[in-house]
Amino acid sequence: HFIVVEDVELRKKLRTAGYDQPQITDASHFIVLATEKNVDASLVEKFVENVATTRNIPVESLTGLRDMLNGAVGMKGEEGAREWAARQVYIALGVLLATAASEGIDAAPMEGFDPEQFDVILGLTERDLTSRVMVALGFRASDDPATDMAKVRYAEEQVFTTM
């Protein structure tokens, strides 16, 4: 779930819960990515119904899909299913970051925040959602001192293994 936070006062509260990171209030766009707290059979059922509706096919024809998904979720256990959902959000984040870069938009993904406070501030607790990662989007200031600094990256041989 993508929560696009436009409200200035809300962003100020989030900044406090986000360890005072200035991007939360300074960026032109700020998004919190969240997942369902409960990844279970009811979530699988919602997904299967969405597939049926989107593809205009009978939900009964998706029994195999439903069984496979319920089996996969069940095998992971409650905590494993939540962690799986969190990883799915990072796939969406990657697409968001790549799309922003292709459009020349600067992005700052961040994990440094208190998810429980974010959930309360954004009213996610009542919606059975939980904050996972946030991203600030916009165009960097022309006087941003980081623009001229060398980018710090690990050497290729520390990051890549060719087999």
C-alpha atoms as a PDB file:
ATOM      1  CA  HIS A   1       0.000   0.000   0.000  1.00  0.00           C
ATOM      2  CA  PHE A   2       1.365   3.427  -0.957  1.00  0.00           C
ATOM      3  CA  ILE A   3       0.461   6.264   1.419  1.00  0.00           C
ATOM      4  CA  VAL A   4       1.132   9.583  -0.310  1.00  0.00           C
ATOM      5  CA  VAL A   5       1.458  12.134   2.474  1.00  0.00           C
ATOM      6  CA  GLU A   6       0.642  15.654   1.287  1.00  0.00           C
ATOM      7  CA  ASP A   7      -0.596  17.187   4.555  1.00  0.00           C
ATOM      8  CA  VAL A   8       2.134  19.503   5.913  1.00  0.00           C
ATOM      9  CA  GLU A   9       1.181  19.051   9.581  1.00  0.00           C
ATOM     10  CA  LEU A  10       1.109  15.293   9.186  1.00  0.00           C
ATOM     11  CA  ARG A  11       4.568  15.373   7.611  1.00  0.00           C
ATOM     12  CA  LYS A  12       5.863  17.399  10.577  1.00  0.00           C
ATOM     13  CA  LYS A  13       4.604  14.711  12.958  1.00  0.00           C
ATOM     14  CA  LEU A  14       6.161  12.018  10.805  1.00  0.00           C
ATOM     15  CA  ARG A  15       9.459  13.881  10.784  1.00  0.00           C
ATOM     16  CA  THR A  16       9.557  13.630  14.580  1.00  0.00           C
ATOM     17  CA  ALA A  17       8.904   9.872  14.359  1.00  0.00           C
ATOM     18  CA  GLY A  18      11.398   9.700  11.492  1.00  0.00           C
ATOM     19  CA  TYR A  19      14.392  10.738  13.569  1.00  0.00           C
ATOM     20  CA  ASP A  20      14.127  14.313  12.309  1.00  0.00           C
ATOM     21  CA  GLN A  21      15.158  13.503   8.744  1.00  0.00           C
ATOM     22  CA  PRO A  22      14.587  16.734   6.791  1.00  0.00           C
ATOM     23  CA  GLN A  23      13.554  14.973   3.573  1.00  0.00           C
ATOM     24  CA  ILE A  24      10.260  14.032   5.222  1.00  0.00           C
ATOM     25  CA  THR A  25       9.123  17.659   5.287  1.00  0.00           C
ATOM     26  CA  ASP A  26      11.379  19.189   2.622  1.00  0.00           C
ATOM     27  CA  ALA A  27      10.719  16.881  -0.331  1.00  0.00           C
ATOM     28  CA  SER A  28       7.960  17.812  -2.738  1.00  0.00           C
ATOM     29  CA  HIS A  29       6.520  14.287  -2.436  1.00  0.00           C
ATOM     30  CA  PHE A  30       6.662  11.850   0.450  1.00  0.00           C
ATOM     31  CA  ILE A  31       5.406   8.270   0.337  1.00  0.00           C
ATOM     32  CA  VAL A  32       5.188   5.587   3.012  1.00  0.00           C
ATOM     33  CA  LEU A  33       5.002   2.005   1.781  1.00  0.00           C
ATOM     34  CA  ALA A  34       3.031  -0.323   4.035  1.00  0.00           C
ATOM     35  CA  THR A  35       1.929  -3.938   4.117  1.00  0.00           C
ATOM     36  CA  GLU A  36      -0.973  -5.845   5.564  1.00  0.00           C
ATOM     37  CA  LYS A  37      -0.366  -6.875   9.170  1.00  0.00           C
ATOM     38  CA  ASN A  38      -2.141 -10.174   8.614  1.00  0.00           C
ATOM     39  CA  VAL A  39      -1.148 -12.150   5.561  1.00  0.00           C
ATOM     40  CA  ASP A  40      -3.617 -15.003   5.720  1.00  0.00           C
ATOM     41  CA  ALA A  41      -6.432 -16.829   3.919  1.00  0.00           C
ATOM     42  CA  SER A  42      -8.684 -13.744   3.911  1.00  0.00           C
ATOM     43  CA  LEU A  43      -6.002 -11.734   2.094  1.00  0.00           C
ATOM     44  CA  VAL A  44      -5.525 -14.589  -0.376  1.00  0.00           C
ATOM     45  CA  GLU A  45      -9.291 -14.633  -0.958  1.00  0.00           C
ATOM     46  CA  LYS A  46      -9.350 -10.877  -1.676  1.00  0.00           C
ATOM     47  CA  PHE A  47      -6.539 -11.364  -4.187  1.00  0.00           C
ATOM     48  CA  VAL A  48      -8.253 -14.314  -5.901  1.00  0.00           C
ATOM     49  CA  GLU A  49     -11.509 -12.341  -6.154  1.00  0.00           C
ATOM     50  CA  ASN A  50      -9.594  -9.418  -7.677  1.00  0.00           C
ATOM     51  CA  VAL A  51      -8.021 -11.749 -10.257  1.00  0.00           C
ATOM     52  CA  ALA A  52     -11.459 -13.130 -11.148  1.00  0.00           C
ATOM     53  CA  THR A  53     -12.988  -9.664 -11.465  1.00  0.00           C
ATOM     54  CA  THR A  54     -10.068  -8.211 -13.414  1.00  0.00           C
ATOM     55  CA  ARG A  55      -9.946 -11.117 -15.851  1.00  0.00           C
ATOM     56  CA  ASN A  56     -13.718 -11.534 -15.973  1.00  0.00           C
ATOM     57  CA  ILE A  57     -13.529 -15.222 -15.106  1.00  0.00           C
ATOM     58  CA  PRO A  58     -15.428 -17.267 -12.529  1.00  0.00           C
ATOM     59  CA  VAL A  59     -13.778 -17.283  -9.116  1.00  0.00           C
ATOM     60  CA  GLU A  60     -14.404 -21.043  -9.021  1.00  0.00           C
ATOM     61  CA  SER A  61     -11.911 -21.460 -11.867  1.00  0.00           C
ATOM     62  CA  LEU A  62      -9.162 -20.150  -9.600  1.00  0.00           C
ATOM     63  CA  THR A  63      -9.289 -22.939  -7.020  1.00  0.00           C
ATOM     64  CA  GLY A  64      -5.773 -24.062  -7.955  1.00  0.00           C
ATOM     65  CA  LEU A  65      -4.402 -20.547  -7.517  1.00  0.00           C
ATOM     66  CA  ARG A  66      -6.200 -20.139  -4.181  1.00  0.00           C
ATOM     67  CA  ASP A  67      -4.917 -23.487  -2.905  1.00  0.00           C
ATOM     68  CA  MET A  68      -1.356 -22.746  -4.030  1.00  0.00           C
ATOM     69  CA  LEU A  69      -1.338 -19.309  -2.379  1.00  0.00           C
ATOM     70  CA  ASN A  70      -2.916 -20.571   0.840  1.00  0.00           C
ATOM     71  CA  GLY A  71      -0.344 -23.370   0.925  1.00  0.00           C
ATOM     72  CA  ALA A  72       2.529 -20.944   0.395  1.00  0.00           C
ATOM     73  CA  VAL A  73       1.255 -18.543   3.053  1.00  0.00           C
ATOM     74  CA  GLY A  74       0.556 -21.387   5.474  1.00  0.00           C
ATOM     75  CA  MET A  75       4.036 -22.882   5.028  1.00  0.00           C
ATOM     76  CA  LYS A  76       5.653 -19.579   5.931  1.00  0.00           C
ATOM     77  CA  GLY A  77       3.817 -19.258   9.227  1.00  0.00           C
ATOM     78  CA  GLU A  78       2.457 -15.981  10.561  1.00  0.00           C
ATOM     79  CA  GLU A  79       5.798 -14.198  11.014  1.00  0.00           C
ATOM     80  CA  GLY A  80       7.246 -15.612   7.794  1.00  0.00           C
ATOM     81  CA  ALA A  81       4.232 -14.386   5.836  1.00  0.00           C
ATOM     82  CA  ARG A  82       4.645 -10.880   7.264  1.00  0.00           C
ATOM     83  CA  GLU A  83       8.325 -10.871   6.313  1.00  0.00           C
ATOM     84  CA  TRP A  84       7.438 -12.096   2.819  1.00  0.00           C
ATOM     85  CA  ALA A  85       4.995  -9.182   2.492  1.00  0.00           C
ATOM     86  CA  ALA A  86       7.736  -6.767   3.571  1.00  0.00           C
ATOM     87  CA  ARG A  87      10.010  -8.102   0.833  1.00  0.00           C
ATOM     88  CA  GLN A  88       7.236  -7.609  -1.698  1.00  0.00           C
ATOM     89  CA  VAL A  89       7.133  -3.917  -0.749  1.00  0.00           C
ATOM     90  CA  TYR A  90      10.829  -3.633  -1.549  1.00  0.00           C
ATOM     91  CA  ILE A  91      10.151  -4.925  -5.059  1.00  0.00           C
ATOM     92  CA  ALA A  92       7.599  -2.115  -5.465  1.00  0.00           C
ATOM     93  CA  LEU A  93      10.107   0.350  -3.988  1.00  0.00           C
ATOM     94  CA  GLY A  94      12.707  -0.747  -6.538  1.00  0.00           C
ATOM     95  CA  VAL A  95      10.295  -0.113  -9.390  1.00  0.00           C
ATOM     96  CA  LEU A  96       9.377   3.277  -7.902  1.00  0.00           C
ATOM     97  CA  LEU A  97      13.069   4.252  -7.618  1.00  0.00           C
ATOM     98  CA  ALA A  98      13.891   3.090 -11.152  1.00  0.00           C
ATOM     99  CA  THR A  99      10.903   4.968 -12.558  1.00  0.00           C
ATOM    100  CA  ALA A 100      11.833   8.140 -10.678  1.00  0.00           C
ATOM    101  CA  ALA A 101      15.428   7.894 -11.933  1.00  0.00           C
ATOM    102  CA  SER A 102      14.265   7.397 -15.519  1.00  0.00           C
ATOM    103  CA  GLU A 103      12.254  10.615 -15.192  1.00  0.00           C
ATOM    104  CA  GLY A 104      15.167  12.535 -13.646  1.00  0.00           C
ATOM    105  CA  ILE A 105      13.482  12.717 -10.240  1.00  0.00           C
ATOM    106  CA  ASP A 106      15.669  12.409  -7.157  1.00  0.00           C
ATOM    107  CA  ALA A 107      14.601   9.847  -4.576  1.00  0.00           C
ATOM    108  CA  ALA A 108      15.701   9.115  -1.032  1.00  0.00           C
ATOM    109  CA  PRO A 109      14.480   5.759   0.302  1.00  0.00           C
ATOM    110  CA  MET A 110      14.656   5.583   4.095  1.00  0.00           C
ATOM    111  CA  GLU A 111      14.193   2.994   6.801  1.00  0.00           C
ATOM    112  CA  GLY A 112      15.184   5.249   9.688  1.00  0.00           C
ATOM    113  CA  PHE A 113      11.859   5.736  11.433  1.00  0.00           C
ATOM    114  CA  ASP A 114       9.699   4.308  14.189  1.00  0.00           C
ATOM    115  CA  PRO A 115       7.103   2.170  12.366  1.00  0.00           C
ATOM    116  CA  GLU A 116       4.785   1.964  15.369  1.00  0.00           C
ATOM    117  CA  GLN A 117       4.641   5.766  15.646  1.00  0.00           C
ATOM    118  CA  PHE A 118       4.152   6.099  11.884  1.00  0.00           C
ATOM    119  CA  ASP A 119       1.292   3.589  12.035  1.00  0.00           C
ATOM    120  CA  VAL A 120      -0.446   5.608  14.762  1.00  0.00           C
ATOM    121  CA  ILE A 121       0.125   8.981  13.061  1.00  0.00           C
ATOM    122  CA  LEU A 122      -1.143   7.697   9.708  1.00  0.00           C
ATOM    123  CA  GLY A 123      -4.049   5.714  11.173  1.00  0.00           C
ATOM    124  CA  LEU A 124      -2.681   2.488   9.739  1.00  0.00           C
ATOM    125  CA  THR A 125      -3.295   0.434  12.863  1.00  0.00           C
ATOM    126  CA  GLU A 126      -7.064   0.633  12.346  1.00  0.00           C
ATOM    127  CA  ARG A 127      -6.583  -0.439   8.731  1.00  0.00           C
ATOM    128  CA  ASP A 128      -4.469  -3.482   9.655  1.00  0.00           C
ATOM    129  CA  LEU A 129      -1.483  -2.001   7.819  1.00  0.00           C
ATOM    130  CA  THR A 130       2.047  -1.397   9.017  1.00  0.00           C
ATOM    131  CA  SER A 131       4.736   0.971   7.719  1.00  0.00           C
ATOM    132  CA  ARG A 132       7.755  -0.697   6.121  1.00  0.00           C
ATOM    133  CA  VAL A 133       9.809   1.909   4.253  1.00  0.00           C
ATOM    134  CA  MET A 134       9.479   5.529   3.186  1.00  0.00           C
ATOM    135  CA  VAL A 135      10.712   7.501   0.211  1.00  0.00           C
ATOM    136  CA  ALA A 136      11.101  11.222  -0.400  1.00  0.00           C
ATOM    137  CA  LEU A 137      10.849  12.364  -4.025  1.00  0.00           C
ATOM    138  CA  GLY A 138      11.600  15.628  -5.778  1.00  0.00           C
ATOM    139  CA  PHE A 139      14.436  17.624  -7.260  1.00  0.00           C
ATOM    140  CA  ARG A 140      17.520  18.348  -5.198  1.00  0.00           C
ATOM    141  CA  ALA A 141      18.248  21.941  -4.261  1.00  0.00           C
ATOM    142  CA  SER A 142      20.787  23.646  -6.506  1.00  0.00           C
ATOM    143  CA  ASP A 143      22.884  24.429  -3.426  1.00  0.00           C
ATOM    144  CA  ASP A 144      22.835  20.845  -2.109  1.00  0.00           C
ATOM    145  CA  PRO A 145      26.395  20.279  -0.827  1.00  0.00           C
ATOM    146  CA  ALA A 146      26.141  16.534  -1.477  1.00  0.00           C
ATOM    147  CA  THR A 147      25.911  17.159  -5.227  1.00  0.00           C
ATOM    148  CA  ASP A 148      29.653  17.736  -5.560  1.00  0.00           C
ATOM    149  CA  MET A 149      30.739  15.066  -3.087  1.00  0.00           C
ATOM    150  CA  ALA A 150      32.150  11.778  -4.324  1.00  0.00           C
ATOM    151  CA  LYS A 151      29.622   8.955  -4.172  1.00  0.00           C
ATOM    152  CA  VAL A 152      30.633   6.305  -1.646  1.00  0.00           C
ATOM    153  CA  ARG A 153      30.297   2.819  -3.083  1.00  0.00           C
ATOM    154  CA  TYR A 154      31.928  -0.538  -2.414  1.00  0.00           C
ATOM    155  CA  ALA A 155      34.387  -1.783  -5.024  1.00  0.00           C
ATOM    156  CA  GLU A 156      32.849  -4.065  -7.654  1.00  0.00           C
ATOM    157  CA  GLU A 157      34.757  -7.109  -6.388  1.00  0.00           C
ATOM    158  CA  GLN A 158      33.178  -6.588  -2.959  1.00  0.00           C
ATOM    159  CA  VAL A 159      29.677  -6.553  -4.390  1.00  0.00           C
ATOM    160  CA  PHE A 160      29.715  -8.897  -7.393  1.00  0.00           C
ATOM    161  CA  THR A 161      30.642 -12.548  -7.714  1.00  0.00           C
ATOM    162  CA  THR A 162      30.854 -14.093 -11.160  1.00  0.00           C
ATOM    163  CA  MET A 163      30.450 -17.858 -11.338  1.00  0.00           C
END
